[in-house]
Protein backbone atom coordinates (compact mmCIF):
# COMPACT_ATOMS: atom_id res chain seq x y z
CA VAL A 1 144.61 55.02 71.14
CA GLY A 2 142.19 56.80 73.42
CA GLU A 3 142.35 57.23 77.16
CA ILE A 4 141.65 54.12 79.25
CA GLU A 5 138.83 54.33 81.76
CA LEU A 6 138.25 51.77 84.50
CA PHE A 7 134.75 51.26 85.90
CA PHE A 8 134.50 49.52 89.25
CA ASN A 9 131.05 48.46 90.46
CA PRO A 10 129.33 49.98 87.42
CA GLN A 11 125.58 50.37 87.28
CA ILE A 12 123.62 51.51 84.28
CA LYS A 13 121.17 54.07 85.64
CA GLU A 14 119.49 55.23 82.45
CA TYR A 15 119.04 54.00 78.88
CA SER A 16 118.08 56.34 76.06
CA PRO A 17 114.77 55.63 74.34
CA GLY A 18 116.49 55.72 70.94
CA GLU A 19 118.08 52.44 69.84
CA TRP A 20 120.27 51.34 66.94
CA LEU A 21 121.15 48.07 65.30
CA ALA A 22 124.85 47.31 64.78
CA PRO A 23 127.06 44.23 64.43
CA GLU A 24 128.67 42.78 67.53
CA GLY A 25 131.14 40.00 68.08
CA CYS A 26 132.69 38.58 71.21
CA LEU A 27 135.80 36.66 72.17
CA SER A 28 133.52 34.39 74.21
CA ILE A 29 131.84 33.28 70.96
CA PRO A 30 134.56 33.24 68.29
CA LEU A 31 133.73 33.35 64.57
CA PHE A 32 130.24 34.85 64.99
CA ARG A 33 128.95 38.38 64.47
CA GLU A 34 125.31 39.41 64.66
CA GLU A 35 123.26 42.59 64.52
CA VAL A 36 122.27 43.60 68.06
CA GLN A 37 119.74 46.27 69.05
CA ARG A 38 120.98 48.54 71.86
CA PRO A 39 120.17 51.99 73.26
CA GLN A 40 122.14 54.82 71.68
CA SER A 41 123.22 56.29 75.00
CA ILE A 42 123.45 55.33 78.65
CA GLU A 43 124.17 56.95 81.96
CA ILE A 44 126.26 54.99 84.44
CA THR A 45 127.55 55.35 87.96
CA TYR A 46 130.84 53.73 88.88
CA GLN A 47 133.83 53.99 91.14
CA SER A 48 137.26 54.98 89.87
CA LEU A 49 140.52 53.41 90.97
CA ASP A 50 140.76 55.92 93.85
CA GLY A 51 137.32 54.82 95.15
CA LYS A 52 135.48 58.00 94.15
CA THR A 53 131.97 57.64 92.75
CA HIS A 54 131.26 59.11 89.32
CA GLN A 55 128.23 59.51 87.10
CA LYS A 56 128.70 59.88 83.37
CA ARG A 57 126.76 59.66 80.11
CA PHE A 58 128.13 57.77 77.11
CA LYS A 59 126.80 57.58 73.57
CA GLY A 60 127.47 55.78 70.31
CA TRP A 61 130.07 53.02 70.12
CA THR A 62 131.38 53.75 73.60
CA ALA A 63 127.90 53.22 75.05
CA ARG A 64 127.55 50.02 73.02
CA VAL A 65 130.85 48.61 74.28
CA ILE A 66 129.99 49.45 77.88
CA GLN A 67 126.60 47.76 77.53
CA HIS A 68 128.21 44.69 75.95
CA GLU A 69 130.73 44.38 78.78
CA TYR A 70 128.13 45.16 81.44
CA ASP A 71 126.08 42.28 80.04
CA HIS A 72 129.01 39.98 80.83
CA ILE A 73 128.87 41.07 84.47
CA GLU A 74 125.17 40.15 84.43
CA GLY A 75 125.85 36.76 82.80
CA ILE A 76 124.44 37.81 79.42
CA LEU A 77 126.08 37.20 76.04
CA TYR A 78 125.05 39.09 72.93
CA PRO A 79 123.11 36.13 71.41
CA ASP A 80 120.77 36.47 74.41
CA ARG A 81 119.82 39.86 72.94
CA LEU A 82 118.90 38.46 69.51
CA PRO A 83 115.31 37.96 68.38
CA ASN A 84 114.10 34.44 69.20
CA GLU A 85 113.79 33.52 65.51
CA ARG A 86 117.43 34.39 64.82
CA LEU A 87 118.66 32.65 67.95
CA LYS A 88 116.81 29.47 66.92
CA GLN A 89 118.56 29.63 63.53
CA LEU A 90 121.97 30.06 65.17
CA GLN A 91 121.53 27.54 67.98
CA PRO A 92 122.84 24.47 66.08
CA HIS A 93 125.96 26.43 65.10
CA LEU A 94 126.47 27.70 68.65
CA ASP A 95 126.02 24.16 69.99
CA ALA A 96 128.61 22.85 67.53
CA LEU A 97 131.05 25.60 68.54
CA GLN A 98 130.57 24.80 72.21
CA GLU A 99 131.23 21.12 71.54
CA ARG A 100 134.44 21.93 69.62
CA LEU A 101 135.65 24.20 72.43
CA SER A 102 134.87 21.71 75.21
């Protein structure tokens, strides 16, 4: 297991122009996985546990995970990042899941 990093008050400052499509899932939406387009790398600023401000670049899967979790802070779930056509196809299934979980 890798080192744990905590990001307090994170802000994504820069997104790379290059993007990649990869499958994502989420505990907020169990049983679903979809291909999501995201930038390959990001640069963020954040505070560490000791209150110091840091700026760091992340790439690959680490950048993807940070973007996914940052979306949660912004009230965004990965289906919000899907093309409209795909979201329309999934919507009845997502509605049924929400009803089951309510």
